[in-house]
PDB file of all heavy atoms in Angstrom:
ATOM      1  N   ARG A   1      20.665  35.463 -12.281  1.00  0.00           N
ATOM      2  CA  ARG A   1      21.679  34.995 -11.343  1.00  0.00           C
ATOM      3  C   ARG A   1      21.593  33.479 -11.178  1.00  0.00           C
ATOM      4  O   ARG A   1      20.683  32.828 -11.687  1.00  0.00           O
ATOM      5  CB  ARG A   1      21.495  35.677  -9.981  1.00  0.00           C
ATOM      6  CG  ARG A   1      21.822  37.163  -9.962  1.00  0.00           C
ATOM      7  CD  ARG A   1      23.288  37.411 -10.263  1.00  0.00           C
ATOM      8  NE  ARG A   1      23.628  38.826 -10.084  1.00  0.00           N
ATOM      9  CZ  ARG A   1      24.777  39.364 -10.473  1.00  0.00           C
ATOM     10  NH1 ARG A   1      25.689  38.615 -11.062  1.00  0.00           N
ATOM     11  NH2 ARG A   1      25.011  40.647 -10.272  1.00  0.00           N
ATOM     12  N   THR A   2      22.543  32.922 -10.447  1.00  0.00           N
ATOM     13  CA  THR A   2      22.606  31.479 -10.221  1.00  0.00           C
ATOM     14  C   THR A   2      21.692  31.077  -9.063  1.00  0.00           C
ATOM     15  O   THR A   2      21.711  31.708  -7.999  1.00  0.00           O
ATOM     16  CB  THR A   2      24.049  31.054  -9.895  1.00  0.00           C
ATOM     17  OG1 THR A   2      24.902  31.457 -10.968  1.00  0.00           O
ATOM     18  CG2 THR A   2      24.157  29.554  -9.711  1.00  0.00           C
ATOM     19  N   LYS A   3      20.893  30.050  -9.277  1.00  0.00           N
ATOM     20  CA  LYS A   3      20.008  29.559  -8.220  1.00  0.00           C
ATOM     21  C   LYS A   3      20.820  28.894  -7.119  1.00  0.00           C
ATOM     22  O   LYS A   3      21.799  28.191  -7.376  1.00  0.00           O
ATOM     23  CB  LYS A   3      19.007  28.550  -8.796  1.00  0.00           C
ATOM     24  CG  LYS A   3      18.013  28.001  -7.765  1.00  0.00           C
ATOM     25  CD  LYS A   3      17.019  27.040  -8.422  1.00  0.00           C
ATOM     26  CE  LYS A   3      16.052  26.474  -7.399  1.00  0.00           C
ATOM     27  NZ  LYS A   3      15.030  25.591  -8.010  1.00  0.00           N
ATOM     28  N   LEU A   4      20.399  29.135  -5.882  1.00  0.00           N
ATOM     29  CA  LEU A   4      21.049  28.513  -4.731  1.00  0.00           C
ATOM     30  C   LEU A   4      19.977  28.122  -3.733  1.00  0.00           C
ATOM     31  O   LEU A   4      19.011  28.873  -3.522  1.00  0.00           O
ATOM     32  CB  LEU A   4      22.052  29.486  -4.105  1.00  0.00           C
ATOM     33  CG  LEU A   4      22.871  28.975  -2.915  1.00  0.00           C
ATOM     34  CD1 LEU A   4      24.292  29.540  -2.958  1.00  0.00           C
ATOM     35  CD2 LEU A   4      22.213  29.364  -1.592  1.00  0.00           C
ATOM     36  N   ILE A   5      20.121  26.969  -3.131  1.00  0.00           N
ATOM     37  CA  ILE A   5      19.157  26.491  -2.134  1.00  0.00           C
ATOM     38  C   ILE A   5      19.792  26.560  -0.746  1.00  0.00           C
ATOM     39  O   ILE A   5      20.849  25.972  -0.508  1.00  0.00           O
ATOM     40  CB  ILE A   5      18.702  25.055  -2.443  1.00  0.00           C
ATOM     41  CG1 ILE A   5      17.972  25.011  -3.790  1.00  0.00           C
ATOM     42  CG2 ILE A   5      17.795  24.534  -1.328  1.00  0.00           C
ATOM     43  CD1 ILE A   5      17.615  23.611  -4.252  1.00  0.00           C
ATOM     44  N   ILE A   6      19.129  27.291   0.145  1.00  0.00           N
ATOM     45  CA  ILE A   6      19.553  27.319   1.547  1.00  0.00           C
ATOM     46  C   ILE A   6      18.745  26.229   2.257  1.00  0.00           C
ATOM     47  O   ILE A   6      17.518  26.332   2.368  1.00  0.00           O
ATOM     48  CB  ILE A   6      19.277  28.697   2.189  1.00  0.00           C
ATOM     49  CG1 ILE A   6      20.051  29.791   1.435  1.00  0.00           C
ATOM     50  CG2 ILE A   6      19.664  28.687   3.666  1.00  0.00           C
ATOM     51  CD1 ILE A   6      19.768  31.200   1.925  1.00  0.00           C
ATOM     52  N   PRO A   7      19.404  25.165   2.696  1.00  0.00           N
ATOM     53  CA  PRO A   7      18.668  24.009   3.241  1.00  0.00           C
ATOM     54  C   PRO A   7      17.847  24.352   4.478  1.00  0.00           C
ATOM     55  O   PRO A   7      18.217  25.236   5.270  1.00  0.00           O
ATOM     56  CB  PRO A   7      19.800  23.024   3.585  1.00  0.00           C
ATOM     57  CG  PRO A   7      20.975  23.479   2.797  1.00  0.00           C
ATOM     58  CD  PRO A   7      20.856  24.958   2.689  1.00  0.00           C
ATOM     59  N   ALA A   8      16.750  23.647   4.642  1.00  0.00           N
ATOM     60  CA  ALA A   8      15.917  23.781   5.839  1.00  0.00           C
ATOM     61  C   ALA A   8      16.776  23.559   7.077  1.00  0.00           C
ATOM     62  O   ALA A   8      17.669  22.712   7.091  1.00  0.00           O
ATOM     63  CB  ALA A   8      14.776  22.765   5.793  1.00  0.00           C
ATOM     64  N   GLY A   9      16.507  24.342   8.114  1.00  0.00           N
ATOM     65  CA  GLY A   9      17.257  24.190   9.363  1.00  0.00           C
ATOM     66  C   GLY A   9      18.519  25.026   9.431  1.00  0.00           C
ATOM     67  O   GLY A   9      19.209  25.009  10.457  1.00  0.00           O
ATOM     68  N   THR A  10      18.831  25.752   8.357  1.00  0.00           N
ATOM     69  CA  THR A  10      20.033  26.595   8.386  1.00  0.00           C
ATOM     70  C   THR A  10      19.885  27.693   9.429  1.00  0.00           C
ATOM     71  O   THR A  10      20.837  28.040  10.141  1.00  0.00           O
ATOM     72  CB  THR A  10      20.294  27.221   6.997  1.00  0.00           C
ATOM     73  OG1 THR A  10      20.522  26.164   6.051  1.00  0.00           O
ATOM     74  CG2 THR A  10      21.514  28.131   7.019  1.00  0.00           C
ATOM     75  N   TYR A  11      18.663  28.256   9.516  1.00  0.00           N
ATOM     76  CA  TYR A  11      18.380  29.317  10.482  1.00  0.00           C
ATOM     77  C   TYR A  11      17.265  28.877  11.432  1.00  0.00           C
ATOM     78  O   TYR A  11      16.446  28.009  11.085  1.00  0.00           O
ATOM     79  CB  TYR A  11      17.975  30.606   9.755  1.00  0.00           C
ATOM     80  CG  TYR A  11      19.048  31.144   8.828  1.00  0.00           C
ATOM     81  CD1 TYR A  11      18.905  31.062   7.438  1.00  0.00           C
ATOM     82  CD2 TYR A  11      20.216  31.705   9.341  1.00  0.00           C
ATOM     83  CE1 TYR A  11      19.884  31.549   6.592  1.00  0.00           C
ATOM     84  CE2 TYR A  11      21.210  32.187   8.507  1.00  0.00           C
ATOM     85  CZ  TYR A  11      21.045  32.103   7.132  1.00  0.00           C
ATOM     86  OH  TYR A  11      22.030  32.575   6.292  1.00  0.00           O
ATOM     87  N   ALA A  12      17.226  29.465  12.596  1.00  0.00           N
ATOM     88  CA  ALA A  12      16.192  29.136  13.589  1.00  0.00           C
ATOM     89  C   ALA A  12      14.805  29.382  13.005  1.00  0.00           C
ATOM     90  O   ALA A  12      14.549  30.437  12.414  1.00  0.00           O
ATOM     91  CB  ALA A  12      16.393  30.003  14.828  1.00  0.00           C
ATOM     92  N   GLY A  13      13.946  28.385  13.132  1.00  0.00           N
ATOM     93  CA  GLY A  13      12.575  28.513  12.654  1.00  0.00           C
ATOM     94  C   GLY A  13      12.399  28.287  11.163  1.00  0.00           C
ATOM     95  O   GLY A  13      11.279  28.380  10.655  1.00  0.00           O
ATOM     96  N   GLN A  14      13.480  27.971  10.462  1.00  0.00           N
ATOM     97  CA  GLN A  14      13.387  27.732   9.003  1.00  0.00           C
ATOM     98  C   GLN A  14      13.116  26.245   8.755  1.00  0.00           C
ATOM     99  O   GLN A  14      14.015  25.421   8.829  1.00  0.00           O
ATOM    100  CB  GLN A  14      14.689  28.164   8.310  1.00  0.00           C
ATOM    101  CG  GLN A  14      14.677  27.948   6.802  1.00  0.00           C
ATOM    102  CD  GLN A  14      16.075  27.795   6.227  1.00  0.00           C
ATOM    103  OE1 GLN A  14      17.067  28.194   6.823  1.00  0.00           O
ATOM    104  NE2 GLN A  14      16.158  27.194   5.046  1.00  0.00           N
ATOM    105  N   ASN A  15      11.879  25.933   8.442  1.00  0.00           N
ATOM    106  CA  ASN A  15      11.479  24.528   8.326  1.00  0.00           C
ATOM    107  C   ASN A  15      11.509  23.991   6.899  1.00  0.00           C
ATOM    108  O   ASN A  15      11.338  22.796   6.682  1.00  0.00           O
ATOM    109  CB  ASN A  15      10.071  24.343   8.903  1.00  0.00           C
ATOM    110  CG  ASN A  15      10.009  24.726  10.376  1.00  0.00           C
ATOM    111  OD1 ASN A  15      10.913  24.372  11.138  1.00  0.00           O
ATOM    112  ND2 ASN A  15       8.969  25.444  10.774  1.00  0.00           N
ATOM    113  N   THR A  16      11.686  24.874   5.925  1.00  0.00           N
ATOM    114  CA  THR A  16      11.725  24.436   4.527  1.00  0.00           C
ATOM    115  C   THR A  16      12.941  25.025   3.814  1.00  0.00           C
ATOM    116  O   THR A  16      13.527  26.011   4.277  1.00  0.00           O
ATOM    117  CB  THR A  16      10.452  24.880   3.765  1.00  0.00           C
ATOM    118  OG1 THR A  16      10.348  26.316   3.832  1.00  0.00           O
ATOM    119  CG2 THR A  16       9.209  24.266   4.378  1.00  0.00           C
ATOM    120  N   ASP A  17      13.290  24.420   2.697  1.00  0.00           N
ATOM    121  CA  ASP A  17      14.380  24.966   1.879  1.00  0.00           C
ATOM    122  C   ASP A  17      13.991  26.342   1.343  1.00  0.00           C
ATOM    123  O   ASP A  17      12.807  26.618   1.105  1.00  0.00           O
ATOM    124  CB  ASP A  17      14.668  24.047   0.685  1.00  0.00           C
ATOM    125  CG  ASP A  17      15.293  22.724   1.088  1.00  0.00           C
ATOM    126  OD1 ASP A  17      15.696  22.589   2.260  1.00  0.00           O
ATOM    127  OD2 ASP A  17      15.366  21.825   0.226  1.00  0.00           O
ATOM    128  N   ILE A  18      14.982  27.185   1.150  1.00  0.00           N
ATOM    129  CA  ILE A  18      14.751  28.513   0.582  1.00  0.00           C
ATOM    130  C   ILE A  18      15.461  28.593  -0.764  1.00  0.00           C
ATOM    131  O   ILE A  18      16.667  28.316  -0.866  1.00  0.00           O
ATOM    132  CB  ILE A  18      15.291  29.618   1.507  1.00  0.00           C
ATOM    133  CG1 ILE A  18      14.526  29.627   2.831  1.00  0.00           C
ATOM    134  CG2 ILE A  18      15.216  30.992   0.834  1.00  0.00           C
ATOM    135  CD1 ILE A  18      15.218  30.395   3.919  1.00  0.00           C
ATOM    136  N   ASN A  19      14.699  28.929  -1.799  1.00  0.00           N
ATOM    137  CA  ASN A  19      15.298  29.161  -3.114  1.00  0.00           C
ATOM    138  C   ASN A  19      15.696  30.627  -3.202  1.00  0.00           C
ATOM    139  O   ASN A  19      14.871  31.514  -2.998  1.00  0.00           O
ATOM    140  CB  ASN A  19      14.294  28.856  -4.231  1.00  0.00           C
ATOM    141  CG  ASN A  19      13.925  27.390  -4.280  1.00  0.00           C
ATOM    142  OD1 ASN A  19      14.715  26.528  -3.929  1.00  0.00           O
ATOM    143  ND2 ASN A  19      12.716  27.089  -4.707  1.00  0.00           N
ATOM    144  N   THR A  20      16.936  30.883  -3.504  1.00  0.00           N
ATOM    145  CA  THR A  20      17.386  32.257  -3.623  1.00  0.00           C
ATOM    146  C   THR A  20      18.392  32.378  -4.770  1.00  0.00           C
ATOM    147  O   THR A  20      18.658  31.405  -5.482  1.00  0.00           O
ATOM    148  CB  THR A  20      17.988  32.764  -2.297  1.00  0.00           C
ATOM    149  OG1 THR A  20      18.242  34.170  -2.393  1.00  0.00           O
ATOM    150  CG2 THR A  20      19.285  32.055  -1.951  1.00  0.00           C
ATOM    151  N   THR A  21      18.898  33.578  -4.943  1.00  0.00           N
ATOM    152  CA  THR A  21      19.880  33.806  -6.005  1.00  0.00           C
ATOM    153  C   THR A  21      21.259  33.953  -5.384  1.00  0.00           C
ATOM    154  O   THR A  21      21.396  34.230  -4.181  1.00  0.00           O
ATOM    155  CB  THR A  21      19.549  35.089  -6.789  1.00  0.00           C
ATOM    156  OG1 THR A  21      19.652  36.211  -5.894  1.00  0.00           O
ATOM    157  CG2 THR A  21      18.158  35.030  -7.381  1.00  0.00           C
ATOM    158  N   SER A  22      22.267  33.760  -6.196  1.00  0.00           N
ATOM    159  CA  SER A  22      23.620  33.847  -5.658  1.00  0.00           C
ATOM    160  C   SER A  22      24.595  34.352  -6.709  1.00  0.00           C
ATOM    161  O   SER A  22      24.321  34.297  -7.915  1.00  0.00           O
ATOM    162  CB  SER A  22      24.079  32.477  -5.155  1.00  0.00           C
ATOM    163  OG  SER A  22      24.255  31.583  -6.250  1.00  0.00           O
ATOM    164  N   LEU A  23      25.701  34.823  -6.212  1.00  0.00           N
ATOM    165  CA  LEU A  23      26.829  35.185  -7.063  1.00  0.00           C
ATOM    166  C   LEU A  23      27.957  34.221  -6.723  1.00  0.00           C
ATOM    167  O   LEU A  23      28.536  34.302  -5.634  1.00  0.00           O
ATOM    168  CB  LEU A  23      27.262  36.633  -6.812  1.00  0.00           C
ATOM    169  CG  LEU A  23      28.411  37.147  -7.695  1.00  0.00           C
ATOM    170  CD1 LEU A  23      27.968  37.235  -9.159  1.00  0.00           C
ATOM    171  CD2 LEU A  23      28.887  38.506  -7.213  1.00  0.00           C
ATOM    172  N   PRO A  24      28.264  33.263  -7.615  1.00  0.00           N
ATOM    173  CA  PRO A  24      29.329  32.308  -7.324  1.00  0.00           C
ATOM    174  C   PRO A  24      30.674  33.009  -7.141  1.00  0.00           C
ATOM    175  O   PRO A  24      30.943  34.039  -7.764  1.00  0.00           O
ATOM    176  CB  PRO A  24      29.348  31.415  -8.575  1.00  0.00           C
ATOM    177  CG  PRO A  24      27.994  31.567  -9.174  1.00  0.00           C
ATOM    178  CD  PRO A  24      27.605  32.988  -8.899  1.00  0.00           C
ATOM    179  N   VAL A  25      31.501  32.453  -6.266  1.00  0.00           N
ATOM    180  CA  VAL A  25      32.855  32.964  -6.038  1.00  0.00           C
ATOM    181  C   VAL A  25      33.816  31.790  -6.166  1.00  0.00           C
ATOM    182  O   VAL A  25      33.533  30.692  -5.679  1.00  0.00           O
ATOM    183  CB  VAL A  25      32.987  33.623  -4.653  1.00  0.00           C
ATOM    184  CG1 VAL A  25      34.391  34.199  -4.460  1.00  0.00           C
ATOM    185  CG2 VAL A  25      31.944  34.730  -4.472  1.00  0.00           C
ATOM    186  N   VAL A  26      34.932  32.034  -6.833  1.00  0.00           N
ATOM    187  CA  VAL A  26      35.873  30.958  -7.150  1.00  0.00           C
ATOM    188  C   VAL A  26      37.298  31.395  -6.821  1.00  0.00           C
ATOM    189  O   VAL A  26      37.620  32.586  -6.885  1.00  0.00           O
ATOM    190  CB  VAL A  26      35.762  30.589  -8.654  1.00  0.00           C
ATOM    191  CG1 VAL A  26      36.860  29.617  -9.090  1.00  0.00           C
ATOM    192  CG2 VAL A  26      34.386  29.990  -8.953  1.00  0.00           C
ATOM    193  N   VAL A  27      38.130  30.438  -6.461  1.00  0.00           N
ATOM    194  CA  VAL A  27      39.562  30.697  -6.275  1.00  0.00           C
ATOM    195  C   VAL A  27      40.264  30.466  -7.604  1.00  0.00           C
ATOM    196  O   VAL A  27      40.092  29.413  -8.236  1.00  0.00           O
ATOM    197  CB  VAL A  27      40.163  29.794  -5.183  1.00  0.00           C
ATOM    198  CG1 VAL A  27      41.682  29.949  -5.123  1.00  0.00           C
ATOM    199  CG2 VAL A  27      39.553  30.130  -3.830  1.00  0.00           C
ATOM    200  N   TYR A  28      41.032  31.460  -8.025  1.00  0.00           N
ATOM    201  CA  TYR A  28      41.728  31.430  -9.313  1.00  0.00           C
ATOM    202  C   TYR A  28      43.236  31.588  -9.140  1.00  0.00           C
ATOM    203  O   TYR A  28      43.718  32.055  -8.107  1.00  0.00           O
ATOM    204  CB  TYR A  28      41.252  32.582 -10.205  1.00  0.00           C
ATOM    205  CG  TYR A  28      39.866  32.446 -10.777  1.00  0.00           C
ATOM    206  CD1 TYR A  28      38.762  32.950 -10.112  1.00  0.00           C
ATOM    207  CD2 TYR A  28      39.655  31.827 -12.016  1.00  0.00           C
ATOM    208  CE1 TYR A  28      37.474  32.843 -10.644  1.00  0.00           C
ATOM    209  CE2 TYR A  28      38.377  31.720 -12.560  1.00  0.00           C
ATOM    210  CZ  TYR A  28      37.293  32.229 -11.863  1.00  0.00           C
ATOM    211  OH  TYR A  28      36.035  32.115 -12.406  1.00  0.00           O
ATOM    212  N   THR A  29      43.952  31.222 -10.188  1.00  0.00           N
ATOM    213  CA  THR A  29      45.358  31.527 -10.327  1.00  0.00           C
ATOM    214  C   THR A  29      45.563  31.827 -11.814  1.00  0.00           C
ATOM    215  O   THR A  29      44.635  32.211 -12.502  1.00  0.00           O
ATOM    216  CB  THR A  29      46.241  30.363  -9.824  1.00  0.00           C
ATOM    217  OG1 THR A  29      47.624  30.758  -9.877  1.00  0.00           O
ATOM    218  CG2 THR A  29      46.043  29.099 -10.651  1.00  0.00           C
ATOM    219  N   SER A  30      46.778  31.653 -12.312  1.00  0.00           N
ATOM    220  CA  SER A  30      47.014  31.808 -13.751  1.00  0.00           C
ATOM    221  C   SER A  30      47.680  30.543 -14.273  1.00  0.00           C
ATOM    222  O   SER A  30      48.153  29.704 -13.498  1.00  0.00           O
ATOM    223  CB  SER A  30      47.903  33.023 -14.037  1.00  0.00           C
ATOM    224  OG  SER A  30      49.253  32.727 -13.747  1.00  0.00           O
ATOM    225  N   LYS A  31      47.734  30.424 -15.587  1.00  0.00           N
ATOM    226  CA  LYS A  31      48.346  29.222 -16.163  1.00  0.00           C
ATOM    227  C   LYS A  31      49.851  29.198 -15.936  1.00  0.00           C
ATOM    228  O   LYS A  31      50.502  28.178 -16.186  1.00  0.00           O
ATOM    229  CB  LYS A  31      48.023  29.116 -17.649  1.00  0.00           C
ATOM    230  CG  LYS A  31      48.674  30.141 -18.551  1.00  0.00           C
ATOM    231  CD  LYS A  31      48.298  29.870 -20.003  1.00  0.00           C
ATOM    232  CE  LYS A  31      49.028  30.774 -20.987  1.00  0.00           C
ATOM    233  NZ  LYS A  31      48.636  30.502 -22.375  1.00  0.00           N
ATOM    234  N   ALA A  32      50.403  30.303 -15.392  1.00  0.00           N
ATOM    235  CA  ALA A  32      51.837  30.330 -15.069  1.00  0.00           C
ATOM    236  C   ALA A  32      52.156  29.430 -13.882  1.00  0.00           C
ATOM    237  O   ALA A  32      53.287  28.971 -13.732  1.00  0.00           O
ATOM    238  CB  ALA A  32      52.281  31.764 -14.776  1.00  0.00           C
ATOM    239  N   MET A  33      51.179  29.152 -13.033  1.00  0.00           N
ATOM    240  CA  MET A  33      51.400  28.238 -11.907  1.00  0.00           C
ATOM    241  C   MET A  33      51.665  26.841 -12.449  1.00  0.00           C
ATOM    242  O   MET A  33      50.986  26.374 -13.365  1.00  0.00           O
ATOM    243  CB  MET A  33      50.184  28.220 -10.978  1.00  0.00           C
ATOM    244  CG  MET A  33      50.324  27.228  -9.819  1.00  0.00           C
ATOM    245  SD  MET A  33      48.900  27.239  -8.689  1.00  0.00           S
ATOM    246  CE  MET A  33      49.285  28.711  -7.729  1.00  0.00           C
ATOM    247  N   ASP A  34      52.655  26.158 -11.892  1.00  0.00           N
ATOM    248  CA  ASP A  34      52.963  24.816 -12.393  1.00  0.00           C
ATOM    249  C   ASP A  34      51.861  23.843 -11.992  1.00  0.00           C
ATOM    250  O   ASP A  34      51.157  24.041 -10.998  1.00  0.00           O
ATOM    251  CB  ASP A  34      54.336  24.354 -11.894  1.00  0.00           C
ATOM    252  CG  ASP A  34      54.360  24.126 -10.391  1.00  0.00           C
ATOM    253  OD1 ASP A  34      53.938  23.046  -9.954  1.00  0.00           O
ATOM    254  OD2 ASP A  34      54.798  25.038  -9.661  1.00  0.00           O
ATOM    255  N   ASP A  35      51.721  22.799 -12.786  1.00  0.00           N
ATOM    256  CA  ASP A  35      50.622  21.845 -12.602  1.00  0.00           C
ATOM    257  C   ASP A  35      50.661  21.164 -11.236  1.00  0.00           C
ATOM    258  O   ASP A  35      49.621  20.933 -10.620  1.00  0.00           O
ATOM    259  CB  ASP A  35      50.664  20.774 -13.701  1.00  0.00           C
ATOM    260  CG  ASP A  35      50.270  21.322 -15.065  1.00  0.00           C
ATOM    261  OD1 ASP A  35      49.983  22.538 -15.153  1.00  0.00           O
ATOM    262  OD2 ASP A  35      50.246  20.542 -16.040  1.00  0.00           O
ATOM    263  N   ALA A  36      51.870  20.847 -10.755  1.00  0.00           N
ATOM    264  CA  ALA A  36      51.993  20.143  -9.473  1.00  0.00           C
ATOM    265  C   ALA A  36      51.479  20.994  -8.325  1.00  0.00           C
ATOM    266  O   ALA A  36      50.796  20.499  -7.418  1.00  0.00           O
ATOM    267  CB  ALA A  36      53.446  19.752  -9.229  1.00  0.00           C
ATOM    268  N   THR A  37      51.789  22.291  -8.348  1.00  0.00           N
ATOM    269  CA  THR A  37      51.331  23.184  -7.286  1.00  0.00           C
ATOM    270  C   THR A  37      49.819  23.340  -7.331  1.00  0.00           C
ATOM    271  O   THR A  37      49.136  23.287  -6.304  1.00  0.00           O
ATOM    272  CB  THR A  37      52.008  24.560  -7.403  1.00  0.00           C
ATOM    273  OG1 THR A  37      53.429  24.392  -7.288  1.00  0.00           O
ATOM    274  CG2 THR A  37      51.531  25.508  -6.321  1.00  0.00           C
ATOM    275  N   ALA A  38      49.265  23.534  -8.533  1.00  0.00           N
ATOM    276  CA  ALA A  38      47.813  23.676  -8.677  1.00  0.00           C
ATOM    277  C   ALA A  38      47.098  22.408  -8.219  1.00  0.00           C
ATOM    278  O   ALA A  38      46.046  22.472  -7.562  1.00  0.00           O
ATOM    279  CB  ALA A  38      47.462  23.989 -10.128  1.00  0.00           C
ATOM    280  N   TYR A  39      47.654  21.255  -8.550  1.00  0.00           N
ATOM    281  CA  TYR A  39      47.083  19.970  -8.144  1.00  0.00           C
ATOM    282  C   TYR A  39      47.093  19.848  -6.617  1.00  0.00           C
ATOM    283  O   TYR A  39      46.076  19.508  -6.001  1.00  0.00           O
ATOM    284  CB  TYR A  39      47.894  18.830  -8.758  1.00  0.00           C
ATOM    285  CG  TYR A  39      47.487  17.444  -8.289  1.00  0.00           C
ATOM    286  CD1 TYR A  39      46.512  16.717  -8.964  1.00  0.00           C
ATOM    287  CD2 TYR A  39      48.073  16.869  -7.165  1.00  0.00           C
ATOM    288  CE1 TYR A  39      46.128  15.454  -8.527  1.00  0.00           C
ATOM    289  CE2 TYR A  39      47.701  15.607  -6.727  1.00  0.00           C
ATOM    290  CZ  TYR A  39      46.735  14.903  -7.409  1.00  0.00           C
ATOM    291  OH  TYR A  39      46.356  13.651  -6.967  1.00  0.00           O
ATOM    292  N   THR A  40      48.239  20.126  -6.001  1.00  0.00           N
ATOM    293  CA  THR A  40      48.393  19.987  -4.550  1.00  0.00           C
ATOM    294  C   THR A  40      47.467  20.935  -3.802  1.00  0.00           C
ATOM    295  O   THR A  40      46.834  20.551  -2.813  1.00  0.00           O
ATOM    296  CB  THR A  40      49.854  20.253  -4.141  1.00  0.00           C
ATOM    297  OG1 THR A  40      50.714  19.335  -4.830  1.00  0.00           O
ATOM    298  CG2 THR A  40      50.046  20.084  -2.641  1.00  0.00           C
ATOM    299  N   LEU A  41      47.375  22.180  -4.272  1.00  0.00           N
ATOM    300  CA  LEU A  41      46.511  23.169  -3.627  1.00  0.00           C
ATOM    301  C   LEU A  41      45.044  22.753  -3.712  1.00  0.00           C
ATOM    302  O   LEU A  41      44.302  22.816  -2.722  1.00  0.00           O
ATOM    303  CB  LEU A  41      46.720  24.533  -4.291  1.00  0.00           C
ATOM    304  CG  LEU A  41      45.855  25.698  -3.801  1.00  0.00           C
ATOM    305  CD1 LEU A  41      46.048  25.921  -2.304  1.00  0.00           C
ATOM    306  CD2 LEU A  41      46.194  26.972  -4.574  1.00  0.00           C
ATOM    307  N   THR A  42      44.628  22.312  -4.886  1.00  0.00           N
ATOM    308  CA  THR A  42      43.229  21.901  -5.087  1.00  0.00           C
ATOM    309  C   THR A  42      42.898  20.668  -4.250  1.00  0.00           C
ATOM    310  O   THR A  42      41.848  20.614  -3.591  1.00  0.00           O
ATOM    311  CB  THR A  42      42.974  21.621  -6.576  1.00  0.00           C
ATOM    312  OG1 THR A  42      43.297  22.788  -7.339  1.00  0.00           O
ATOM    313  CG2 THR A  42      41.532  21.232  -6.833  1.00  0.00           C
TER     314      THR A  42
END
């Protein structure tokens, strides 16, 4: 899986960074969307 760091201080009592795994999530469309709309949305 993809490495992810949860920064220190995210949770109460967490004084150091936490190395964990993650599943990335992305917003998608299709190439049918016109370039101007994709640009503006992004």
